[in-house]
Amino acid sequence: MSTAMGVRVRITGEGERVVENVSSVRELLARVGLVGEEVVVLRNGVILTEDDELSDGDEVIVYVVKSGG
C-alpha cells in the first residue's frame, strides 16, 4: 500500500504529479516552474492565492491562463 504524501497537482495541458514538501501555493508554483505565469489555482473548487497554505494530501488544479491577440 502506497503511503506517498505531498500535494497532488494537476496542471492543465501537462498532467498530474505529486509535489512533496511544499507549504504554500507560491512554493508549489516555484517547484513546478510556474513562477511569473498567469495561473488560477483551485482546491475543492475554491480559488487559492499564492499566500494560501497547502497540506499533505491536498489535491489542486492549476489552470495556466493563455491569452493572445
C-alpha atoms as a PDB file:
ATOM      1  CA  MET A   1       0.000   0.000   0.000  1.00  0.00           C
ATOM      2  CA  SER A   2       1.400   3.402  -1.002  1.00  0.00           C
ATOM      3  CA  THR A   3       1.858   5.999   1.705  1.00  0.00           C
ATOM      4  CA  ALA A   4       3.265   8.742  -0.517  1.00  0.00           C
ATOM      5  CA  MET A   5       2.487  12.157   0.875  1.00  0.00           C
ATOM      6  CA  GLY A   6       2.586  15.530  -0.720  1.00  0.00           C
ATOM      7  CA  VAL A   7       0.277  17.712  -2.737  1.00  0.00           C
ATOM      8  CA  ARG A   8      -1.300  16.144  -5.809  1.00  0.00           C
ATOM      9  CA  VAL A   9      -1.328  18.776  -8.542  1.00  0.00           C
ATOM     10  CA  ARG A  10      -2.956  18.615 -11.953  1.00  0.00           C
ATOM     11  CA  ILE A  11      -1.675  21.240 -14.377  1.00  0.00           C
ATOM     12  CA  THR A  12      -3.846  21.795 -17.438  1.00  0.00           C
ATOM     13  CA  GLY A  13      -2.069  20.582 -20.541  1.00  0.00           C
ATOM     14  CA  GLU A  14       0.688  18.842 -18.542  1.00  0.00           C
ATOM     15  CA  GLY A  15      -0.877  16.089 -16.491  1.00  0.00           C
ATOM     16  CA  GLU A  16      -0.724  15.180 -12.832  1.00  0.00           C
ATOM     17  CA  ARG A  17       2.083  14.770 -10.315  1.00  0.00           C
ATOM     18  CA  VAL A  18       2.738  14.750  -6.585  1.00  0.00           C
ATOM     19  CA  VAL A  19       4.934  17.517  -5.170  1.00  0.00           C
ATOM     20  CA  GLU A  20       6.379  16.845  -1.725  1.00  0.00           C
ATOM     21  CA  ASN A  21       7.482  19.268   0.964  1.00  0.00           C
ATOM     22  CA  VAL A  22       5.526  22.353  -0.064  1.00  0.00           C
ATOM     23  CA  SER A  23       3.600  24.507   2.382  1.00  0.00           C
ATOM     24  CA  SER A  24       2.126  27.261   0.200  1.00  0.00           C
ATOM     25  CA  VAL A  25       0.732  27.849  -3.269  1.00  0.00           C
ATOM     26  CA  ARG A  26       3.695  30.157  -4.006  1.00  0.00           C
ATOM     27  CA  GLU A  27       6.142  27.370  -3.135  1.00  0.00           C
ATOM     28  CA  LEU A  28       4.196  24.854  -5.225  1.00  0.00           C
ATOM     29  CA  LEU A  29       4.247  27.135  -8.279  1.00  0.00           C
ATOM     30  CA  ALA A  30       8.003  27.621  -7.884  1.00  0.00           C
ATOM     31  CA  ARG A  31       8.588  23.870  -7.670  1.00  0.00           C
ATOM     32  CA  VAL A  32       6.628  23.161 -10.857  1.00  0.00           C
ATOM     33  CA  GLY A  33       8.209  26.056 -12.769  1.00  0.00           C
ATOM     34  CA  LEU A  34       5.205  28.350 -12.989  1.00  0.00           C
ATOM     35  CA  VAL A  35       6.586  31.424 -11.208  1.00  0.00           C
ATOM     36  CA  GLY A  36       5.533  34.547 -13.064  1.00  0.00           C
ATOM     37  CA  GLU A  37       2.955  32.688 -15.142  1.00  0.00           C
ATOM     38  CA  GLU A  38      -0.691  33.689 -15.143  1.00  0.00           C
ATOM     39  CA  VAL A  39      -2.427  30.832 -13.345  1.00  0.00           C
ATOM     40  CA  VAL A  40      -5.577  30.059 -11.408  1.00  0.00           C
ATOM     41  CA  VAL A  41      -5.171  27.512  -8.613  1.00  0.00           C
ATOM     42  CA  LEU A  42      -8.183  25.646  -7.207  1.00  0.00           C
ATOM     43  CA  ARG A  43      -8.601  23.331  -4.218  1.00  0.00           C
ATOM     44  CA  ASN A  44     -12.040  21.767  -3.847  1.00  0.00           C
ATOM     45  CA  GLY A  45     -13.414  24.280  -6.344  1.00  0.00           C
ATOM     46  CA  VAL A  46     -12.168  27.268  -4.336  1.00  0.00           C
ATOM     47  CA  ILE A  47      -9.679  29.718  -5.862  1.00  0.00           C
ATOM     48  CA  LEU A  48      -6.441  29.998  -3.887  1.00  0.00           C
ATOM     49  CA  THR A  49      -3.944  32.844  -3.681  1.00  0.00           C
ATOM     50  CA  GLU A  50      -0.160  32.424  -3.645  1.00  0.00           C
ATOM     51  CA  ASP A  51      -0.220  33.024   0.117  1.00  0.00           C
ATOM     52  CA  ASP A  52      -2.649  30.188   0.888  1.00  0.00           C
ATOM     53  CA  GLU A  53      -1.235  27.235   2.789  1.00  0.00           C
ATOM     54  CA  LEU A  54      -1.151  23.682   1.468  1.00  0.00           C
ATOM     55  CA  SER A  55      -1.002  20.412   3.391  1.00  0.00           C
ATOM     56  CA  ASP A  56      -0.029  16.845   2.594  1.00  0.00           C
ATOM     57  CA  GLY A  57      -2.938  15.150   0.898  1.00  0.00           C
ATOM     58  CA  ASP A  58      -4.302  18.292  -0.733  1.00  0.00           C
ATOM     59  CA  GLU A  59      -5.348  17.993  -4.359  1.00  0.00           C
ATOM     60  CA  VAL A  60      -5.171  21.117  -6.505  1.00  0.00           C
ATOM     61  CA  ILE A  61      -5.758  22.007 -10.129  1.00  0.00           C
ATOM     62  CA  VAL A  62      -3.604  24.649 -11.796  1.00  0.00           C
ATOM     63  CA  TYR A  63      -5.102  26.321 -14.855  1.00  0.00           C
ATOM     64  CA  VAL A  64      -2.456  28.085 -16.926  1.00  0.00           C
ATOM     65  CA  VAL A  65      -4.068  31.170 -18.456  1.00  0.00           C
ATOM     66  CA  LYS A  66      -3.229  31.682 -22.104  1.00  0.00           C
ATOM     67  CA  SER A  67      -4.033  34.885 -23.891  1.00  0.00           C
ATOM     68  CA  GLY A  68      -3.323  36.196 -27.314  1.00  0.00           C
ATOM     69  CA  GLY A  69      -4.494  38.516 -29.947  1.00  0.00           C
END
